[in-house]
PDB file of N, CA and C in Angstrom:
ATOM      1  N   MET A   1      33.948 -86.836  -8.311  1.00  0.00           N
ATOM      2  CA  MET A   1      35.486 -86.908  -8.414  1.00  0.00           C
ATOM      3  C   MET A   1      35.978 -85.505  -9.692  1.00  0.00           C
ATOM      4  N   SER A   2      37.214 -85.031  -8.896  1.00  0.00           N
ATOM      5  CA  SER A   2      37.710 -83.933  -9.488  1.00  0.00           C
ATOM      6  C   SER A   2      38.957 -84.524 -10.164  1.00  0.00           C
ATOM      7  N   VAL A   3      38.975 -84.251 -11.540  1.00  0.00           N
ATOM      8  CA  VAL A   3      39.812 -84.603 -12.175  1.00  0.00           C
ATOM      9  C   VAL A   3      41.513 -83.588 -12.247  1.00  0.00           C
ATOM     10  N   THR A   4      42.518 -83.464 -12.117  1.00  0.00           N
ATOM     11  CA  THR A   4      43.405 -82.750 -11.994  1.00  0.00           C
ATOM     12  C   THR A   4      44.103 -82.543 -13.083  1.00  0.00           C
ATOM     13  N   SER A   5      44.606 -81.560 -13.160  1.00  0.00           N
ATOM     14  CA  SER A   5      45.959 -81.345 -14.741  1.00  0.00           C
ATOM     15  C   SER A   5      46.579 -81.951 -14.699  1.00  0.00           C
ATOM     16  N   ASP A   6      47.084 -82.829 -13.852  1.00  0.00           N
ATOM     17  CA  ASP A   6      48.584 -83.755 -13.757  1.00  0.00           C
ATOM     18  C   ASP A   6      47.862 -85.204 -14.328  1.00  0.00           C
ATOM     19  N   PHE A   7      46.736 -84.918 -14.367  1.00  0.00           N
ATOM     20  CA  PHE A   7      46.288 -86.612 -15.067  1.00  0.00           C
ATOM     21  C   PHE A   7      46.057 -86.328 -16.244  1.00  0.00           C
ATOM     22  N   TYR A   8      45.359 -85.229 -16.677  1.00  0.00           N
ATOM     23  CA  TYR A   8      45.505 -85.010 -18.059  1.00  0.00           C
ATOM     24  C   TYR A   8      46.980 -84.973 -18.546  1.00  0.00           C
ATOM     25  N   LEU A   9      47.779 -84.411 -18.276  1.00  0.00           N
ATOM     26  CA  LEU A   9      49.200 -84.012 -18.393  1.00  0.00           C
ATOM     27  C   LEU A   9      49.978 -85.343 -18.574  1.00  0.00           C
ATOM     28  N   ALA A  10      49.182 -86.200 -17.549  1.00  0.00           N
ATOM     29  CA  ALA A  10      50.283 -87.515 -17.997  1.00  0.00           C
ATOM     30  C   ALA A  10      49.501 -88.288 -18.991  1.00  0.00           C
ATOM     31  N   ARG A  11      48.201 -87.889 -19.775  1.00  0.00           N
ATOM     32  CA  ARG A  11      48.067 -88.818 -20.304  1.00  0.00           C
ATOM     33  C   ARG A  11      48.518 -87.727 -21.786  1.00  0.00           C
ATOM     34  N   VAL A  12      48.744 -86.751 -21.959  1.00  0.00           N
ATOM     35  CA  VAL A  12      49.378 -86.122 -22.872  1.00  0.00           C
ATOM     36  C   VAL A  12      50.781 -86.890 -23.479  1.00  0.00           C
ATOM     37  N   ALA A  13      51.385 -86.498 -21.923  1.00  0.00           N
ATOM     38  CA  ALA A  13      52.854 -87.447 -22.171  1.00  0.00           C
ATOM     39  C   ALA A  13      52.920 -88.906 -22.489  1.00  0.00           C
ATOM     40  N   GLN A  14      52.102 -89.721 -21.974  1.00  0.00           N
ATOM     41  CA  GLN A  14      51.897 -90.912 -22.463  1.00  0.00           C
ATOM     42  C   GLN A  14      51.469 -91.386 -23.943  1.00  0.00           C
ATOM     43  N   CYS A  15      50.382 -90.405 -24.893  1.00  0.00           N
ATOM     44  CA  CYS A  15      50.075 -90.662 -25.713  1.00  0.00           C
ATOM     45  C   CYS A  15      51.557 -90.077 -26.687  1.00  0.00           C
ATOM     46  N   ALA A  16      52.104 -89.335 -26.271  1.00  0.00           N
ATOM     47  CA  ALA A  16      53.265 -88.676 -26.850  1.00  0.00           C
ATOM     48  C   ALA A  16      54.492 -89.726 -26.773  1.00  0.00           C
ATOM     49  N   ARG A  17      54.673 -90.416 -25.916  1.00  0.00           N
ATOM     50  CA  ARG A  17      55.567 -91.823 -25.729  1.00  0.00           C
ATOM     51  C   ARG A  17      55.367 -92.874 -26.882  1.00  0.00           C
ATOM     52  N   GLU A  18      53.768 -93.109 -26.987  1.00  0.00           N
ATOM     53  CA  GLU A  18      53.371 -94.397 -27.890  1.00  0.00           C
ATOM     54  C   GLU A  18      53.765 -93.960 -29.185  1.00  0.00           C
ATOM     55  N   ALA A  19      53.202 -92.622 -29.519  1.00  0.00           N
ATOM     56  CA  ALA A  19      53.399 -92.246 -30.946  1.00  0.00           C
ATOM     57  C   ALA A  19      54.769 -92.634 -31.120  1.00  0.00           C
ATOM     58  N   GLY A  20      55.936 -92.293 -30.602  1.00  0.00           N
ATOM     59  CA  GLY A  20      56.897 -91.767 -30.607  1.00  0.00           C
ATOM     60  C   GLY A  20      57.989 -93.288 -30.870  1.00  0.00           C
ATOM     61  N   GLU A  21      57.117 -94.614 -30.076  1.00  0.00           N
ATOM     62  CA  GLU A  21      57.639 -95.735 -30.154  1.00  0.00           C
ATOM     63  C   GLU A  21      56.617 -96.606 -30.952  1.00  0.00           C
ATOM     64  N   THR A  22      55.784 -96.360 -31.512  1.00  0.00           N
ATOM     65  CA  THR A  22      55.245 -97.061 -32.799  1.00  0.00           C
ATOM     66  C   THR A  22      55.836 -96.736 -34.331  1.00  0.00           C
ATOM     67  N   ASP A  23      55.791 -97.995 -34.787  1.00  0.00           N
ATOM     68  CA  ASP A  23      56.508 -97.968 -36.674  1.00  0.00           C
ATOM     69  C   ASP A  23      55.215 -97.938 -37.691  1.00  0.00           C
ATOM     70  N   LEU A  24      53.867 -97.968 -36.931  1.00  0.00           N
ATOM     71  CA  LEU A  24      52.568 -97.847 -37.729  1.00  0.00           C
ATOM     72  C   LEU A  24      52.143 -96.935 -37.768  1.00  0.00           C
ATOM     73  N   ALA A  25      52.125 -96.053 -38.898  1.00  0.00           N
ATOM     74  CA  ALA A  25      51.619 -94.788 -39.314  1.00  0.00           C
ATOM     75  C   ALA A  25      50.246 -94.576 -38.874  1.00  0.00           C
ATOM     76  N   ASN A  26      49.275 -95.698 -38.468  1.00  0.00           N
ATOM     77  CA  ASN A  26      47.787 -95.529 -38.481  1.00  0.00           C
ATOM     78  C   ASN A  26      47.617 -94.928 -36.733  1.00  0.00           C
ATOM     79  N   VAL A  27      48.657 -96.008 -36.027  1.00  0.00           N
ATOM     80  CA  VAL A  27      48.827 -95.740 -34.795  1.00  0.00           C
ATOM     81  C   VAL A  27      49.618 -94.412 -34.214  1.00  0.00           C
ATOM     82  N   ARG A  28      50.439 -94.507 -34.551  1.00  0.00           N
ATOM     83  CA  ARG A  28      50.900 -92.642 -34.526  1.00  0.00           C
ATOM     84  C   ARG A  28      49.906 -91.673 -34.837  1.00  0.00           C
ATOM     85  N   ASP A  29      49.232 -91.910 -35.538  1.00  0.00           N
ATOM     86  CA  ASP A  29      48.018 -90.869 -36.369  1.00  0.00           C
ATOM     87  C   ASP A  29      47.248 -90.778 -34.543  1.00  0.00           C
ATOM     88  N   ARG A  30      46.722 -92.051 -34.749  1.00  0.00           N
ATOM     89  CA  ARG A  30      45.520 -91.983 -33.275  1.00  0.00           C
ATOM     90  C   ARG A  30      46.348 -91.586 -32.114  1.00  0.00           C
ATOM     91  N   CYS A  31      47.500 -91.889 -32.054  1.00  0.00           N
ATOM     92  CA  CYS A  31      48.266 -91.538 -30.869  1.00  0.00           C
ATOM     93  C   CYS A  31      48.479 -89.770 -30.792  1.00  0.00           C
ATOM     94  N   LEU A  32      48.628 -89.599 -31.610  1.00  0.00           N
ATOM     95  CA  LEU A  32      48.492 -87.771 -32.019  1.00  0.00           C
ATOM     96  C   LEU A  32      47.086 -87.195 -31.701  1.00  0.00           C
ATOM     97  N   ARG A  33      46.342 -87.621 -32.540  1.00  0.00           N
ATOM     98  CA  ARG A  33      45.102 -87.427 -32.276  1.00  0.00           C
ATOM     99  C   ARG A  33      44.689 -87.061 -30.739  1.00  0.00           C
ATOM    100  N   ALA A  34      44.972 -88.269 -29.883  1.00  0.00           N
ATOM    101  CA  ALA A  34      44.666 -88.271 -28.753  1.00  0.00           C
ATOM    102  C   ALA A  34      45.516 -87.400 -28.134  1.00  0.00           C
ATOM    103  N   LYS A  35      46.605 -87.518 -27.860  1.00  0.00           N
ATOM    104  CA  LYS A  35      47.460 -86.479 -27.615  1.00  0.00           C
ATOM    105  C   LYS A  35      46.919 -84.777 -27.702  1.00  0.00           C
ATOM    106  N   ALA A  36      46.420 -84.419 -28.559  1.00  0.00           N
ATOM    107  CA  ALA A  36      45.911 -82.998 -29.046  1.00  0.00           C
ATOM    108  C   ALA A  36      44.632 -83.209 -27.910  1.00  0.00           C
ATOM    109  N   ALA A  37      43.722 -84.312 -28.028  1.00  0.00           N
ATOM    110  CA  ALA A  37      42.348 -84.374 -27.697  1.00  0.00           C
ATOM    111  C   ALA A  37      42.733 -83.770 -25.856  1.00  0.00           C
ATOM    112  N   TRP A  38      43.532 -84.828 -25.388  1.00  0.00           N
ATOM    113  CA  TRP A  38      44.260 -84.547 -23.605  1.00  0.00           C
ATOM    114  C   TRP A  38      44.966 -83.129 -23.715  1.00  0.00           C
ATOM    115  N   GLN A  39      45.356 -82.720 -24.598  1.00  0.00           N
ATOM    116  CA  GLN A  39      45.866 -81.735 -24.078  1.00  0.00           C
ATOM    117  C   GLN A  39      45.054 -80.477 -24.013  1.00  0.00           C
ATOM    118  N   ALA A  40      44.081 -80.605 -24.821  1.00  0.00           N
ATOM    119  CA  ALA A  40      42.697 -79.887 -24.771  1.00  0.00           C
ATOM    120  C   ALA A  40      42.349 -79.723 -23.722  1.00  0.00           C
ATOM    121  N   MET A  41      41.894 -80.770 -23.146  1.00  0.00           N
ATOM    122  CA  MET A  41      41.233 -81.199 -21.475  1.00  0.00           C
ATOM    123  C   MET A  41      42.415 -80.603 -20.652  1.00  0.00           C
ATOM    124  N   ALA A  42      44.047 -80.495 -20.872  1.00  0.00           N
ATOM    125  CA  ALA A  42      43.843 -80.407 -19.962  1.00  0.00           C
ATOM    126  C   ALA A  42      44.348 -78.619 -19.721  1.00  0.00           C
ATOM    127  N   ASP A  43      44.184 -77.886 -20.975  1.00  0.00           N
ATOM    128  CA  ASP A  43      44.336 -76.651 -20.857  1.00  0.00           C
ATOM    129  C   ASP A  43      43.238 -75.655 -20.022  1.00  0.00           C
ATOM    130  N   ARG A  44      42.225 -76.402 -20.414  1.00  0.00           N
ATOM    131  CA  ARG A  44      40.842 -76.107 -19.758  1.00  0.00           C
ATOM    132  C   ARG A  44      40.653 -76.115 -18.171  1.00  0.00           C
ATOM    133  N   VAL A  45      41.413 -77.263 -18.052  1.00  0.00           N
ATOM    134  CA  VAL A  45      41.827 -77.253 -16.231  1.00  0.00           C
ATOM    135  C   VAL A  45      42.756 -76.352 -15.847  1.00  0.00           C
ATOM    136  N   LEU A  46      43.621 -76.230 -16.883  1.00  0.00           N
ATOM    137  CA  LEU A  46      44.620 -75.427 -16.212  1.00  0.00           C
ATOM    138  C   LEU A  46      43.915 -74.164 -15.910  1.00  0.00           C
ATOM    139  N   MET A  47      43.299 -73.664 -16.838  1.00  0.00           N
ATOM    140  CA  MET A  47      42.708 -71.924 -17.009  1.00  0.00           C
ATOM    141  C   MET A  47      41.382 -71.890 -16.134  1.00  0.00           C
ATOM    142  N   GLY A  48      41.242 -73.231 -15.452  1.00  0.00           N
ATOM    143  CA  GLY A  48      40.180 -72.995 -14.200  1.00  0.00           C
ATOM    144  C   GLY A  48      40.855 -72.893 -13.101  1.00  0.00           C
ATOM    145  N   GLU A  49      42.120 -73.788 -13.241  1.00  0.00           N
ATOM    146  CA  GLU A  49      42.878 -73.740 -11.564  1.00  0.00           C
ATOM    147  C   GLU A  49      43.772 -72.219 -11.780  1.00  0.00           C
ATOM    148  N   ALA A  50      44.093 -71.890 -12.580  1.00  0.00           N
ATOM    149  CA  ALA A  50      44.559 -70.461 -12.387  1.00  0.00           C
ATOM    150  C   ALA A  50      43.329 -69.372 -11.952  1.00  0.00           C
ATOM    151  N   ASP A  51      42.218 -69.582 -13.302  1.00  0.00           N
ATOM    152  CA  ASP A  51      41.163 -68.776 -12.405  1.00  0.00           C
ATOM    153  C   ASP A  51      40.693 -68.390 -11.155  1.00  0.00           C
ATOM    154  N   ARG A  52      40.517 -69.953 -10.575  1.00  0.00           N
ATOM    155  CA  ARG A  52      40.054 -70.502  -9.018  1.00  0.00           C
ATOM    156  C   ARG A  52      41.232 -69.644  -8.134  1.00  0.00           C
ATOM    157  N   LYS A  53      42.809 -69.859  -8.500  1.00  0.00           N
ATOM    158  CA  LYS A  53      43.224 -69.090  -7.714  1.00  0.00           C
ATOM    159  C   LYS A  53      43.283 -67.438  -7.703  1.00  0.00           C
ATOM    160  N   GLN A  54      43.402 -66.588  -9.073  1.00  0.00           N
ATOM    161  CA  GLN A  54      42.719 -65.719  -9.142  1.00  0.00           C
ATOM    162  C   GLN A  54      41.795 -65.114  -8.650  1.00  0.00           C
ATOM    163  N   GLN A  55      40.453 -65.628  -8.220  1.00  0.00           N
ATOM    164  CA  GLN A  55      39.476 -64.874  -7.543  1.00  0.00           C
ATOM    165  C   GLN A  55      39.725 -65.285  -5.927  1.00  0.00           C
ATOM    166  N   ALA A  56      40.729 -66.092  -5.504  1.00  0.00           N
ATOM    167  CA  ALA A  56      41.259 -66.402  -4.210  1.00  0.00           C
ATOM    168  C   ALA A  56      41.787 -65.358  -4.155  1.00  0.00           C
ATOM    169  N   ALA A  57      42.694 -65.196  -4.490  1.00  0.00           N
ATOM    170  CA  ALA A  57      43.369 -64.006  -4.766  1.00  0.00           C
ATOM    171  C   ALA A  57      42.758 -62.443  -4.343  1.00  0.00           C
ATOM    172  N   ASP A  58      41.966 -61.992  -5.209  1.00  0.00           N
ATOM    173  CA  ASP A  58      41.152 -60.900  -5.301  1.00  0.00           C
ATOM    174  C   ASP A  58      39.998 -61.066  -4.543  1.00  0.00           C
ATOM    175  N   LYS A  59      39.575 -61.952  -4.030  1.00  0.00           N
ATOM    176  CA  LYS A  59      38.740 -61.939  -2.510  1.00  0.00           C
ATOM    177  C   LYS A  59      39.590 -61.978  -1.200  1.00  0.00           C
ATOM    178  N   ALA A  60      40.717 -62.455  -1.411  1.00  0.00           N
ATOM    179  CA  ALA A  60      41.990 -62.106  -0.059  1.00  0.00           C
ATOM    180  C   ALA A  60      42.029 -60.550  -0.262  1.00  0.00           C
ATOM    181  N   ALA A  61      42.503 -59.671  -1.152  1.00  0.00           N
ATOM    182  CA  ALA A  61      42.792 -58.806  -1.276  1.00  0.00           C
ATOM    183  C   ALA A  61      41.383 -57.752  -0.796  1.00  0.00           C
ATOM    184  N   HIS A  62      40.404 -58.109  -1.416  1.00  0.00           N
ATOM    185  CA  HIS A  62      38.884 -57.332  -1.092  1.00  0.00           C
ATOM    186  C   HIS A  62      39.186 -57.257   0.470  1.00  0.00           C
ATOM    187  N   GLN A  63      38.919 -58.124   1.113  1.00  0.00           N
ATOM    188  CA  GLN A  63      39.157 -58.588   2.635  1.00  0.00           C
ATOM    189  C   GLN A  63      39.888 -57.693   3.542  1.00  0.00           C
ATOM    190  N   GLU A  64      41.292 -57.879   2.811  1.00  0.00           N
ATOM    191  CA  GLU A  64      42.461 -57.072   3.116  1.00  0.00           C
ATOM    192  C   GLU A  64      42.040 -55.324   3.260  1.00  0.00           C
ATOM    193  N   ARG A  65      41.589 -54.540   2.143  1.00  0.00           N
ATOM    194  CA  ARG A  65      40.997 -54.063   2.360  1.00  0.00           C
ATOM    195  C   ARG A  65      39.821 -53.329   3.165  1.00  0.00           C
ATOM    196  N   LEU A  66      38.738 -54.397   3.118  1.00  0.00           N
ATOM    197  CA  LEU A  66      38.068 -54.321   4.091  1.00  0.00           C
ATOM    198  C   LEU A  66      38.098 -53.993   5.665  1.00  0.00           C
ATOM    199  N   PHE A  67      38.714 -54.742   6.038  1.00  0.00           N
ATOM    200  CA  PHE A  67      38.701 -55.145   7.458  1.00  0.00           C
ATOM    201  C   PHE A  67      40.169 -55.140   7.359  1.00  0.00           C
ATOM    202  N   GLY A  68      41.123 -54.506   6.535  1.00  0.00           N
ATOM    203  CA  GLY A  68      42.858 -54.044   7.146  1.00  0.00           C
ATOM    204  C   GLY A  68      43.331 -54.686   7.649  1.00  0.00           C
TER     205      GLY A  68
END
């Protein structure tokens, strides 16, 4: 199963919301740590998605040059 950036970004938003809703410092810290971890995962997936799009564009441009 491939996880999209939307999944990770939804977890980032959920952790941010939970951190803002709690009055307990330890829970807020836990939520903020989780948010940072989810954001790092989202960033990696977003970079991969951008790389795949760029590779597809490069391949299409190369094919266009070869076959006009």
